[in-house]
Amino acid sequence: MPRSSALAGEGWQDDTRFAESLVRSRAASGYGPLYVRAELSTHGLPGEAIAAALEGFEGDWTANARDLVRRRFGPAGPADLAQRRKAADLLARRGFDGDSIRAATRWDPDE
């Protein structure tokens, strides 16, 4: 879909604001940075805008991954290896990176 420069000129369309808003929205919905990056690229945004929006995210992707695991598996986290695998699969589908997945599925309540 072509962009209207008239909309951008009037301040109604701003790729930077859109990208930052989408990052915040998807992170709050339990999606990771890989998913968000892929979704942003489907909107035809330049790579620099995508990178800037992800770098400007003030949240913690690992904490988001842990919160999602807690919501799905309870406050104690995955109870056994099978549940840890299910949690890791969930996080991978949601676009979290390997470090966040490992940190969220090797649950340690003292962390």
N, C-alpha and C. Protein backbone atom coordinates (compact mmCIF):
# COMPACT_ATOMS: atom_id res chain seq x y z
N MET A 1 0.85 -1.16 0.00
CA MET A 1 0.00 0.00 0.00
C MET A 1 0.90 1.23 0.00
N PRO A 2 0.78 2.13 -0.97
CA PRO A 2 1.63 3.30 -1.03
C PRO A 2 1.32 4.26 0.11
N ARG A 3 2.35 4.93 0.56
CA ARG A 3 2.19 5.91 1.64
C ARG A 3 1.90 7.27 1.04
N SER A 4 1.12 8.02 1.72
CA SER A 4 0.81 9.37 1.26
C SER A 4 1.75 10.34 1.93
N SER A 5 2.54 11.04 1.12
CA SER A 5 3.45 12.03 1.69
C SER A 5 2.68 13.20 2.28
N ALA A 6 1.44 13.41 1.80
CA ALA A 6 0.62 14.48 2.37
C ALA A 6 0.29 14.16 3.83
N LEU A 7 -0.01 12.89 4.11
CA LEU A 7 -0.29 12.50 5.50
C LEU A 7 0.93 12.69 6.38
N ALA A 8 2.08 12.27 5.89
CA ALA A 8 3.31 12.43 6.66
C ALA A 8 3.62 13.91 6.85
N GLY A 9 3.41 14.70 5.81
CA GLY A 9 3.67 16.14 5.90
C GLY A 9 2.80 16.84 6.91
N GLU A 10 1.59 16.35 7.08
CA GLU A 10 0.67 16.95 8.04
C GLU A 10 0.85 16.40 9.46
N GLY A 11 1.76 15.45 9.61
CA GLY A 11 2.01 14.88 10.94
C GLY A 11 1.06 13.76 11.32
N TRP A 12 0.25 13.29 10.38
CA TRP A 12 -0.69 12.22 10.67
C TRP A 12 -0.05 10.85 10.57
N GLN A 13 1.04 10.79 9.85
CA GLN A 13 1.71 9.50 9.65
C GLN A 13 3.19 9.67 9.99
N ASP A 14 3.64 8.90 10.95
CA ASP A 14 5.03 8.98 11.39
C ASP A 14 5.52 7.55 11.62
N ASP A 15 6.44 7.11 10.77
CA ASP A 15 6.95 5.74 10.87
C ASP A 15 7.59 5.47 12.22
N THR A 16 8.30 6.44 12.75
CA THR A 16 8.98 6.25 14.03
C THR A 16 7.98 6.02 15.15
N ARG A 17 6.96 6.89 15.22
CA ARG A 17 5.93 6.73 16.26
C ARG A 17 5.19 5.41 16.10
N PHE A 18 4.87 5.07 14.86
CA PHE A 18 4.17 3.80 14.60
C PHE A 18 5.01 2.62 15.08
N ALA A 19 6.29 2.61 14.72
CA ALA A 19 7.17 1.50 15.09
C ALA A 19 7.31 1.38 16.61
N GLU A 20 7.50 2.51 17.27
CA GLU A 20 7.64 2.49 18.74
C GLU A 20 6.36 2.01 19.40
N SER A 21 5.22 2.44 18.89
CA SER A 21 3.94 2.03 19.44
C SER A 21 3.72 0.53 19.25
N LEU A 22 4.06 0.02 18.08
CA LEU A 22 3.88 -1.41 17.82
C LEU A 22 4.80 -2.25 18.72
N VAL A 23 6.03 -1.80 18.92
CA VAL A 23 6.95 -2.52 19.81
C VAL A 23 6.36 -2.60 21.22
N ARG A 24 5.90 -1.47 21.74
CA ARG A 24 5.31 -1.46 23.09
C ARG A 24 4.07 -2.36 23.17
N SER A 25 3.22 -2.27 22.16
CA SER A 25 1.98 -3.04 22.16
C SER A 25 2.26 -4.55 22.12
N ARG A 26 3.13 -4.96 21.23
CA ARG A 26 3.41 -6.39 21.11
C ARG A 26 4.16 -6.92 22.33
N ALA A 27 5.07 -6.13 22.87
CA ALA A 27 5.79 -6.56 24.08
C ALA A 27 4.80 -6.75 25.23
N ALA A 28 3.84 -5.85 25.37
CA ALA A 28 2.84 -5.95 26.43
C ALA A 28 1.92 -7.15 26.21
N SER A 29 1.81 -7.60 24.96
CA SER A 29 0.96 -8.75 24.64
C SER A 29 1.72 -10.08 24.71
N GLY A 30 2.99 -10.04 25.11
CA GLY A 30 3.75 -11.28 25.29
C GLY A 30 4.53 -11.74 24.08
N TYR A 31 4.88 -10.83 23.19
CA TYR A 31 5.68 -11.19 22.03
C TYR A 31 7.11 -10.69 22.22
N GLY A 32 8.04 -11.42 21.62
CA GLY A 32 9.45 -11.11 21.74
C GLY A 32 9.98 -10.28 20.57
N PRO A 33 11.24 -9.90 20.66
CA PRO A 33 11.82 -9.00 19.67
C PRO A 33 11.91 -9.58 18.26
N LEU A 34 12.08 -10.87 18.12
CA LEU A 34 12.17 -11.47 16.78
C LEU A 34 10.81 -11.39 16.08
N TYR A 35 9.75 -11.65 16.80
CA TYR A 35 8.41 -11.55 16.25
C TYR A 35 8.11 -10.10 15.87
N VAL A 36 8.44 -9.19 16.78
CA VAL A 36 8.14 -7.77 16.55
C VAL A 36 8.92 -7.26 15.33
N ARG A 37 10.18 -7.64 15.23
CA ARG A 37 11.00 -7.22 14.08
C ARG A 37 10.37 -7.72 12.77
N ALA A 38 9.93 -8.97 12.76
CA ALA A 38 9.31 -9.54 11.56
C ALA A 38 8.01 -8.81 11.22
N GLU A 39 7.21 -8.51 12.23
CA GLU A 39 5.96 -7.80 11.97
C GLU A 39 6.23 -6.40 11.45
N LEU A 40 7.18 -5.71 12.04
CA LEU A 40 7.50 -4.36 11.57
C LEU A 40 7.95 -4.38 10.11
N SER A 41 8.69 -5.40 9.73
CA SER A 41 9.18 -5.46 8.35
C SER A 41 8.03 -5.68 7.36
N THR A 42 6.93 -6.29 7.81
CA THR A 42 5.79 -6.48 6.91
C THR A 42 5.07 -5.16 6.61
N HIS A 43 5.34 -4.14 7.41
CA HIS A 43 4.72 -2.83 7.21
C HIS A 43 5.54 -1.93 6.30
N GLY A 44 6.62 -2.47 5.75
CA GLY A 44 7.42 -1.70 4.80
C GLY A 44 8.28 -0.63 5.42
N LEU A 45 8.57 -0.77 6.70
CA LEU A 45 9.42 0.22 7.36
C LEU A 45 10.88 -0.03 7.02
N PRO A 46 11.67 1.03 6.93
CA PRO A 46 13.10 0.84 6.67
C PRO A 46 13.78 0.16 7.86
N GLY A 47 14.85 -0.57 7.57
CA GLY A 47 15.57 -1.30 8.62
C GLY A 47 16.05 -0.42 9.75
N GLU A 48 16.43 0.82 9.42
CA GLU A 48 16.91 1.74 10.47
C GLU A 48 15.79 2.08 11.45
N ALA A 49 14.57 2.27 10.95
CA ALA A 49 13.44 2.60 11.82
C ALA A 49 13.11 1.41 12.72
N ILE A 50 13.18 0.21 12.16
CA ILE A 50 12.91 -1.00 12.95
C ILE A 50 13.95 -1.15 14.04
N ALA A 51 15.23 -1.03 13.68
CA ALA A 51 16.30 -1.17 14.67
C ALA A 51 16.18 -0.11 15.76
N ALA A 52 15.88 1.12 15.37
CA ALA A 52 15.75 2.20 16.36
C ALA A 52 14.59 1.95 17.31
N ALA A 53 13.48 1.46 16.79
CA ALA A 53 12.32 1.19 17.65
C ALA A 53 12.62 0.08 18.64
N LEU A 54 13.30 -0.97 18.19
CA LEU A 54 13.64 -2.08 19.10
C LEU A 54 14.69 -1.66 20.12
N GLU A 55 15.67 -0.88 19.69
CA GLU A 55 16.70 -0.40 20.63
C GLU A 55 16.12 0.58 21.64
N GLY A 56 15.11 1.34 21.23
CA GLY A 56 14.50 2.32 22.11
C GLY A 56 13.52 1.73 23.11
N PHE A 57 13.22 0.44 22.97
CA PHE A 57 12.29 -0.21 23.89
C PHE A 57 12.88 -0.20 25.29
N GLU A 58 12.13 0.33 26.22
CA GLU A 58 12.65 0.48 27.59
C GLU A 58 12.33 -0.70 28.49
N GLY A 59 11.66 -1.70 27.96
CA GLY A 59 11.34 -2.88 28.76
C GLY A 59 12.48 -3.88 28.76
N ASP A 60 12.22 -5.02 29.36
CA ASP A 60 13.20 -6.09 29.48
C ASP A 60 12.61 -7.33 28.82
N TRP A 61 13.17 -7.74 27.69
CA TRP A 61 12.62 -8.87 26.95
C TRP A 61 12.66 -10.15 27.79
N THR A 62 13.72 -10.36 28.57
CA THR A 62 13.81 -11.57 29.40
C THR A 62 12.73 -11.56 30.48
N ALA A 63 12.50 -10.41 31.08
CA ALA A 63 11.44 -10.30 32.09
C ALA A 63 10.08 -10.57 31.45
N ASN A 64 9.87 -10.08 30.23
CA ASN A 64 8.62 -10.35 29.53
C ASN A 64 8.45 -11.85 29.29
N ALA A 65 9.53 -12.52 28.92
CA ALA A 65 9.48 -13.97 28.69
C ALA A 65 9.14 -14.69 30.00
N ARG A 66 9.76 -14.28 31.09
CA ARG A 66 9.47 -14.90 32.39
C ARG A 66 8.02 -14.68 32.79
N ASP A 67 7.50 -13.47 32.56
CA ASP A 67 6.11 -13.18 32.90
C ASP A 67 5.15 -14.07 32.11
N LEU A 68 5.45 -14.26 30.83
CA LEU A 68 4.60 -15.12 30.00
C LEU A 68 4.63 -16.56 30.51
N VAL A 69 5.81 -17.05 30.88
CA VAL A 69 5.92 -18.42 31.42
C VAL A 69 5.16 -18.52 32.73
N ARG A 70 5.25 -17.51 33.58
CA ARG A 70 4.50 -17.52 34.85
C ARG A 70 3.00 -17.56 34.62
N ARG A 71 2.54 -16.77 33.64
CA ARG A 71 1.10 -16.75 33.35
C ARG A 71 0.62 -18.11 32.85
N ARG A 72 1.45 -18.80 32.07
CA ARG A 72 1.04 -20.07 31.49
C ARG A 72 1.27 -21.26 32.42
N PHE A 73 2.31 -21.21 33.26
CA PHE A 73 2.68 -22.39 34.05
C PHE A 73 2.60 -22.16 35.55
N GLY A 74 2.12 -21.01 35.97
CA GLY A 74 1.98 -20.73 37.39
C GLY A 74 3.22 -20.06 37.96
N PRO A 75 3.11 -19.55 39.17
CA PRO A 75 4.21 -18.78 39.77
C PRO A 75 5.50 -19.57 39.97
N ALA A 76 5.40 -20.88 40.09
CA ALA A 76 6.60 -21.69 40.29
C ALA A 76 7.31 -21.99 38.97
N GLY A 77 6.68 -21.66 37.86
CA GLY A 77 7.30 -21.94 36.56
C GLY A 77 7.11 -23.38 36.14
N PRO A 78 7.77 -23.79 35.07
CA PRO A 78 7.65 -25.17 34.58
C PRO A 78 8.14 -26.16 35.64
N ALA A 79 7.34 -27.21 35.88
CA ALA A 79 7.65 -28.14 36.97
C ALA A 79 8.64 -29.23 36.58
N ASP A 80 8.69 -29.59 35.31
CA ASP A 80 9.56 -30.69 34.89
C ASP A 80 10.10 -30.40 33.49
N LEU A 81 10.89 -31.33 32.98
CA LEU A 81 11.52 -31.14 31.68
C LEU A 81 10.49 -30.99 30.56
N ALA A 82 9.41 -31.75 30.61
CA ALA A 82 8.39 -31.66 29.56
C ALA A 82 7.74 -30.27 29.55
N GLN A 83 7.45 -29.74 30.73
CA GLN A 83 6.87 -28.40 30.81
C GLN A 83 7.88 -27.34 30.38
N ARG A 84 9.16 -27.54 30.72
CA ARG A 84 10.19 -26.59 30.28
C ARG A 84 10.28 -26.57 28.77
N ARG A 85 10.16 -27.74 28.14
CA ARG A 85 10.17 -27.79 26.67
C ARG A 85 8.97 -27.08 26.08
N LYS A 86 7.80 -27.30 26.69
CA LYS A 86 6.59 -26.61 26.22
C LYS A 86 6.75 -25.10 26.36
N ALA A 87 7.31 -24.68 27.49
CA ALA A 87 7.52 -23.25 27.71
C ALA A 87 8.51 -22.69 26.68
N ALA A 88 9.57 -23.42 26.41
CA ALA A 88 10.57 -22.97 25.43
C ALA A 88 9.95 -22.89 24.04
N ASP A 89 9.12 -23.87 23.69
CA ASP A 89 8.44 -23.84 22.38
C ASP A 89 7.52 -22.63 22.29
N LEU A 90 6.78 -22.35 23.35
CA LEU A 90 5.89 -21.20 23.38
C LEU A 90 6.68 -19.91 23.14
N LEU A 91 7.77 -19.77 23.87
CA LEU A 91 8.57 -18.54 23.76
C LEU A 91 9.20 -18.40 22.38
N ALA A 92 9.62 -19.51 21.81
CA ALA A 92 10.20 -19.46 20.46
C ALA A 92 9.14 -19.04 19.45
N ARG A 93 7.93 -19.58 19.58
CA ARG A 93 6.84 -19.19 18.66
C ARG A 93 6.50 -17.72 18.83
N ARG A 94 6.66 -17.20 20.04
CA ARG A 94 6.35 -15.81 20.32
C ARG A 94 7.49 -14.86 19.97
N GLY A 95 8.61 -15.40 19.49
CA GLY A 95 9.67 -14.55 18.99
C GLY A 95 10.71 -14.10 19.99
N PHE A 96 10.93 -14.89 21.04
CA PHE A 96 11.99 -14.57 22.00
C PHE A 96 13.29 -15.23 21.55
N ASP A 97 14.41 -14.60 21.88
CA ASP A 97 15.71 -15.16 21.49
C ASP A 97 16.14 -16.25 22.46
N GLY A 98 17.18 -16.97 22.09
CA GLY A 98 17.64 -18.11 22.88
C GLY A 98 18.01 -17.77 24.31
N ASP A 99 18.68 -16.63 24.51
CA ASP A 99 19.07 -16.25 25.87
C ASP A 99 17.85 -16.01 26.76
N SER A 100 16.85 -15.32 26.22
CA SER A 100 15.63 -15.08 27.00
C SER A 100 14.89 -16.38 27.28
N ILE A 101 14.87 -17.26 26.31
CA ILE A 101 14.19 -18.55 26.49
C ILE A 101 14.88 -19.36 27.58
N ARG A 102 16.20 -19.43 27.52
CA ARG A 102 16.94 -20.18 28.55
C ARG A 102 16.71 -19.58 29.93
N ALA A 103 16.77 -18.26 30.04
CA ALA A 103 16.58 -17.61 31.33
C ALA A 103 15.17 -17.82 31.87
N ALA A 104 14.18 -17.83 31.00
CA ALA A 104 12.79 -17.96 31.45
C ALA A 104 12.39 -19.39 31.77
N THR A 105 13.04 -20.36 31.15
CA THR A 105 12.63 -21.75 31.37
C THR A 105 13.48 -22.45 32.43
N ARG A 106 14.61 -21.92 32.76
CA ARG A 106 15.41 -22.44 33.87
C ARG A 106 15.05 -21.61 35.09
N TRP A 107 13.87 -21.84 35.54
CA TRP A 107 13.27 -20.98 36.57
C TRP A 107 14.01 -21.06 37.89
N ASP A 108 14.38 -19.90 38.39
CA ASP A 108 14.98 -19.78 39.71
C ASP A 108 14.29 -18.60 40.40
N PRO A 109 13.45 -18.87 41.40
CA PRO A 109 12.70 -17.79 42.04
C PRO A 109 13.58 -16.72 42.66
N ASP A 110 14.85 -17.02 42.92
CA ASP A 110 15.74 -16.03 43.52
C ASP A 110 16.32 -15.05 42.51
N GLU A 111 16.11 -15.28 41.22
CA GLU A 111 16.63 -14.37 40.20
C GLU A 111 15.80 -13.15 40.06
